[in-house]
Amino acid sequence: MSAWKHGSDGQGILSRVSSSIANSPVVYRSKKAAGEAATVGKKLLWSTGRAAWIAGTTFLVLIVPLIIEMDREQQLNELELQQASILGTPPPK
């Protein structure tokens, strides 16, 4: 083999370059930063899911019954107006 393809330890130039890049501090810091970003993203997704769960259940427990009751009240008012118009009495104010 020629001297430019293999170093003294038998590794090729491409192997040595890729090895030195993989072991460089920049790559190490980049991998560490990516791992930390993934952890933060996971925590953010988890807390967002919890907040959505709390908001959804609060809506179902408090707001939906209120909407149903308001709809019933509106239907009752419309029924009273219809009855008043059929009977010829003035509508209640």
N, C-alpha and C. Protein backbone atom coordinates (compact mmCIF):
# COMPACT_ATOMS: atom_id res chain seq x y z
N MET A 1 0.85 -1.18 0.00
CA MET A 1 0.00 0.00 0.00
C MET A 1 0.89 1.23 0.00
N SER A 2 0.32 2.30 -0.52
CA SER A 2 1.10 3.53 -0.55
C SER A 2 1.00 4.26 0.78
N ALA A 3 1.94 5.13 1.03
CA ALA A 3 2.06 5.80 2.31
C ALA A 3 0.95 6.82 2.53
N TRP A 4 0.38 7.42 1.48
CA TRP A 4 -0.64 8.44 1.66
C TRP A 4 -2.00 7.85 1.99
N LYS A 5 -2.23 6.56 1.71
CA LYS A 5 -3.50 5.93 2.02
C LYS A 5 -3.55 5.41 3.45
N HIS A 6 -2.44 5.06 4.02
CA HIS A 6 -2.42 4.49 5.36
C HIS A 6 -1.39 5.21 6.21
N GLY A 7 -1.76 5.48 7.43
CA GLY A 7 -0.82 6.09 8.36
C GLY A 7 0.05 5.01 8.96
N SER A 8 0.82 5.38 9.93
CA SER A 8 1.73 4.44 10.56
C SER A 8 0.97 3.39 11.36
N ASP A 9 -0.26 3.71 11.82
CA ASP A 9 -1.03 2.74 12.58
C ASP A 9 -1.94 1.90 11.71
N GLY A 10 -1.89 2.08 10.41
CA GLY A 10 -2.67 1.25 9.50
C GLY A 10 -4.04 1.83 9.17
N GLN A 11 -4.37 3.01 9.67
CA GLN A 11 -5.65 3.62 9.35
C GLN A 11 -5.51 4.49 8.11
N GLY A 12 -6.58 4.55 7.32
CA GLY A 12 -6.59 5.41 6.15
C GLY A 12 -6.84 6.85 6.55
N ILE A 13 -6.57 7.77 5.63
CA ILE A 13 -6.75 9.19 5.89
C ILE A 13 -8.21 9.50 6.20
N LEU A 14 -9.11 8.93 5.42
CA LEU A 14 -10.53 9.17 5.63
C LEU A 14 -10.97 8.68 7.01
N SER A 15 -10.47 7.56 7.41
CA SER A 15 -10.80 7.02 8.73
C SER A 15 -10.26 7.92 9.84
N ARG A 16 -9.05 8.41 9.69
CA ARG A 16 -8.47 9.29 10.71
C ARG A 16 -9.21 10.63 10.78
N VAL A 17 -9.58 11.19 9.62
CA VAL A 17 -10.29 12.46 9.59
C VAL A 17 -11.66 12.31 10.22
N SER A 18 -12.39 11.27 9.84
CA SER A 18 -13.72 11.09 10.42
C SER A 18 -13.63 10.79 11.91
N SER A 19 -12.60 10.09 12.34
CA SER A 19 -12.40 9.81 13.75
C SER A 19 -12.10 11.09 14.51
N SER A 20 -11.28 11.96 13.94
CA SER A 20 -10.95 13.20 14.64
C SER A 20 -12.15 14.14 14.67
N ILE A 21 -12.98 14.12 13.63
CA ILE A 21 -14.18 14.96 13.63
C ILE A 21 -15.18 14.44 14.66
N ALA A 22 -15.37 13.13 14.72
CA ALA A 22 -16.33 12.54 15.65
C ALA A 22 -15.91 12.77 17.10
N ASN A 23 -14.63 12.88 17.35
CA ASN A 23 -14.14 13.08 18.71
C ASN A 23 -13.85 14.54 19.04
N SER A 24 -14.22 15.45 18.15
CA SER A 24 -13.91 16.86 18.38
C SER A 24 -14.84 17.45 19.43
N PRO A 25 -14.38 18.48 20.13
CA PRO A 25 -15.21 19.13 21.16
C PRO A 25 -16.47 19.77 20.59
N VAL A 26 -16.41 20.23 19.35
CA VAL A 26 -17.58 20.86 18.73
C VAL A 26 -18.69 19.83 18.56
N VAL A 27 -18.34 18.65 18.09
CA VAL A 27 -19.33 17.59 17.91
C VAL A 27 -19.88 17.16 19.26
N TYR A 28 -19.02 17.05 20.25
CA TYR A 28 -19.45 16.65 21.59
C TYR A 28 -20.45 17.67 22.15
N ARG A 29 -20.13 18.97 22.02
CA ARG A 29 -21.02 20.00 22.53
C ARG A 29 -22.33 20.03 21.74
N SER A 30 -22.25 19.79 20.44
CA SER A 30 -23.46 19.77 19.62
C SER A 30 -24.38 18.62 20.03
N LYS A 31 -23.80 17.44 20.26
CA LYS A 31 -24.60 16.30 20.70
C LYS A 31 -25.22 16.56 22.07
N LYS A 32 -24.45 17.17 22.96
CA LYS A 32 -24.95 17.48 24.29
C LYS A 32 -26.09 18.49 24.21
N ALA A 33 -25.92 19.52 23.38
CA ALA A 33 -26.96 20.54 23.21
C ALA A 33 -28.22 19.93 22.60
N ALA A 34 -28.05 19.04 21.64
CA ALA A 34 -29.21 18.39 21.02
C ALA A 34 -29.95 17.52 22.04
N GLY A 35 -29.20 16.84 22.87
CA GLY A 35 -29.82 16.02 23.92
C GLY A 35 -30.58 16.87 24.92
N GLU A 36 -29.99 17.99 25.31
CA GLU A 36 -30.66 18.88 26.25
C GLU A 36 -31.90 19.52 25.62
N ALA A 37 -31.82 19.86 24.35
CA ALA A 37 -32.98 20.43 23.65
C ALA A 37 -34.11 19.40 23.57
N ALA A 38 -33.76 18.16 23.33
CA ALA A 38 -34.78 17.11 23.29
C ALA A 38 -35.43 16.94 24.66
N THR A 39 -34.64 17.01 25.71
CA THR A 39 -35.19 16.89 27.07
C THR A 39 -36.13 18.06 27.38
N VAL A 40 -35.72 19.27 27.03
CA VAL A 40 -36.56 20.44 27.26
C VAL A 40 -37.85 20.34 26.43
N GLY A 41 -37.71 19.90 25.20
CA GLY A 41 -38.89 19.74 24.34
C GLY A 41 -39.87 18.72 24.90
N LYS A 42 -39.34 17.64 25.42
CA LYS A 42 -40.19 16.60 26.01
C LYS A 42 -40.92 17.14 27.23
N LYS A 43 -40.21 17.87 28.10
CA LYS A 43 -40.84 18.45 29.28
C LYS A 43 -41.90 19.48 28.89
N LEU A 44 -41.60 20.28 27.87
CA LEU A 44 -42.56 21.28 27.41
C LEU A 44 -43.81 20.62 26.85
N LEU A 45 -43.62 19.56 26.08
CA LEU A 45 -44.76 18.83 25.52
C LEU A 45 -45.59 18.21 26.63
N TRP A 46 -44.93 17.66 27.63
CA TRP A 46 -45.64 17.05 28.76
C TRP A 46 -46.46 18.09 29.52
N SER A 47 -45.85 19.24 29.82
CA SER A 47 -46.57 20.26 30.58
C SER A 47 -47.68 20.88 29.74
N THR A 48 -47.49 21.01 28.44
CA THR A 48 -48.54 21.51 27.57
C THR A 48 -49.71 20.54 27.54
N GLY A 49 -49.40 19.25 27.51
CA GLY A 49 -50.46 18.23 27.54
C GLY A 49 -51.24 18.29 28.84
N ARG A 50 -50.54 18.48 29.94
CA ARG A 50 -51.22 18.58 31.24
C ARG A 50 -52.11 19.82 31.27
N ALA A 51 -51.61 20.93 30.76
CA ALA A 51 -52.41 22.16 30.74
C ALA A 51 -53.65 21.98 29.86
N ALA A 52 -53.49 21.32 28.73
CA ALA A 52 -54.63 21.06 27.84
C ALA A 52 -55.65 20.16 28.52
N TRP A 53 -55.18 19.15 29.25
CA TRP A 53 -56.08 18.26 29.98
C TRP A 53 -56.87 19.05 31.04
N ILE A 54 -56.19 19.90 31.80
CA ILE A 54 -56.86 20.69 32.83
C ILE A 54 -57.88 21.64 32.21
N ALA A 55 -57.50 22.30 31.13
CA ALA A 55 -58.42 23.23 30.46
C ALA A 55 -59.62 22.48 29.89
N GLY A 56 -59.39 21.33 29.30
CA GLY A 56 -60.48 20.55 28.71
C GLY A 56 -61.46 20.05 29.75
N THR A 57 -60.96 19.51 30.84
CA THR A 57 -61.87 18.99 31.87
C THR A 57 -62.60 20.14 32.57
N THR A 58 -61.93 21.25 32.76
CA THR A 58 -62.60 22.42 33.36
C THR A 58 -63.73 22.89 32.45
N PHE A 59 -63.47 22.92 31.16
CA PHE A 59 -64.49 23.32 30.19
C PHE A 59 -65.69 22.37 30.27
N LEU A 60 -65.42 21.06 30.32
CA LEU A 60 -66.51 20.09 30.36
C LEU A 60 -67.31 20.19 31.66
N VAL A 61 -66.65 20.42 32.75
CA VAL A 61 -67.33 20.42 34.05
C VAL A 61 -68.06 21.74 34.31
N LEU A 62 -67.48 22.86 33.92
CA LEU A 62 -68.06 24.15 34.26
C LEU A 62 -68.80 24.83 33.11
N ILE A 63 -68.24 24.84 31.94
CA ILE A 63 -68.78 25.65 30.85
C ILE A 63 -69.90 24.94 30.10
N VAL A 64 -69.75 23.65 29.81
CA VAL A 64 -70.78 22.94 29.05
C VAL A 64 -72.13 22.96 29.77
N PRO A 65 -72.21 22.67 31.06
CA PRO A 65 -73.52 22.78 31.72
C PRO A 65 -74.11 24.19 31.66
N LEU A 66 -73.26 25.20 31.74
CA LEU A 66 -73.73 26.57 31.63
C LEU A 66 -74.33 26.83 30.25
N ILE A 67 -73.68 26.36 29.21
CA ILE A 67 -74.18 26.53 27.85
C ILE A 67 -75.51 25.81 27.69
N ILE A 68 -75.62 24.60 28.23
CA ILE A 68 -76.87 23.84 28.13
C ILE A 68 -78.00 24.58 28.85
N GLU A 69 -77.72 25.10 30.02
CA GLU A 69 -78.75 25.82 30.79
C GLU A 69 -79.17 27.10 30.07
N MET A 70 -78.22 27.82 29.48
CA MET A 70 -78.56 29.03 28.74
C MET A 70 -79.43 28.69 27.53
N ASP A 71 -79.14 27.58 26.87
CA ASP A 71 -79.94 27.15 25.72
C ASP A 71 -81.36 26.80 26.17
N ARG A 72 -81.49 26.11 27.28
CA ARG A 72 -82.83 25.79 27.81
C ARG A 72 -83.61 27.06 28.13
N GLU A 73 -82.95 28.01 28.75
CA GLU A 73 -83.61 29.27 29.09
C GLU A 73 -84.08 29.99 27.83
N GLN A 74 -83.26 29.99 26.80
CA GLN A 74 -83.63 30.63 25.54
C GLN A 74 -84.83 29.93 24.91
N GLN A 75 -84.85 28.59 24.93
CA GLN A 75 -85.98 27.86 24.38
C GLN A 75 -87.26 28.14 25.17
N LEU A 76 -87.14 28.23 26.49
CA LEU A 76 -88.30 28.54 27.33
C LEU A 76 -88.84 29.94 27.01
N ASN A 77 -87.96 30.89 26.83
CA ASN A 77 -88.38 32.25 26.47
C ASN A 77 -89.09 32.27 25.12
N GLU A 78 -88.56 31.54 24.15
CA GLU A 78 -89.19 31.48 22.83
C GLU A 78 -90.57 30.82 22.92
N LEU A 79 -90.69 29.77 23.74
CA LEU A 79 -91.97 29.10 23.92
C LEU A 79 -92.98 30.05 24.56
N GLU A 80 -92.57 30.81 25.56
CA GLU A 80 -93.47 31.78 26.19
C GLU A 80 -93.93 32.84 25.19
N LEU A 81 -93.02 33.30 24.33
CA LEU A 81 -93.39 34.29 23.31
C LEU A 81 -94.39 33.70 22.32
N GLN A 82 -94.18 32.45 21.92
CA GLN A 82 -95.11 31.81 20.99
C GLN A 82 -96.50 31.66 21.62
N GLN A 83 -96.53 31.22 22.87
CA GLN A 83 -97.81 31.07 23.55
C GLN A 83 -98.51 32.41 23.72
N ALA A 84 -97.74 33.44 24.02
CA ALA A 84 -98.34 34.76 24.20
C ALA A 84 -98.91 35.27 22.88
N SER A 85 -98.22 35.02 21.78
CA SER A 85 -98.72 35.50 20.49
C SER A 85 -99.96 34.71 20.05
N ILE A 86 -100.01 33.41 20.40
CA ILE A 86 -101.19 32.60 20.05
C ILE A 86 -102.40 33.04 20.88
N LEU A 87 -102.18 33.29 22.15
CA LEU A 87 -103.28 33.69 23.03
C LEU A 87 -103.64 35.15 22.87
N GLY A 88 -102.84 35.92 22.22
CA GLY A 88 -103.14 37.33 21.97
C GLY A 88 -102.83 38.23 23.16
N THR A 89 -102.07 37.73 24.11
CA THR A 89 -101.69 38.58 25.23
C THR A 89 -100.38 39.28 24.91
N PRO A 90 -100.13 40.42 25.50
CA PRO A 90 -98.87 41.10 25.22
C PRO A 90 -97.69 40.27 25.77
N PRO A 91 -96.57 40.25 25.06
CA PRO A 91 -95.41 39.47 25.50
C PRO A 91 -94.86 40.03 26.81
N PRO A 92 -94.35 39.14 27.67
CA PRO A 92 -93.77 39.61 28.94
C PRO A 92 -92.49 40.40 28.68
N LYS A 93 -92.25 41.37 29.55
CA LYS A 93 -91.05 42.21 29.36
C LYS A 93 -89.96 41.83 30.30
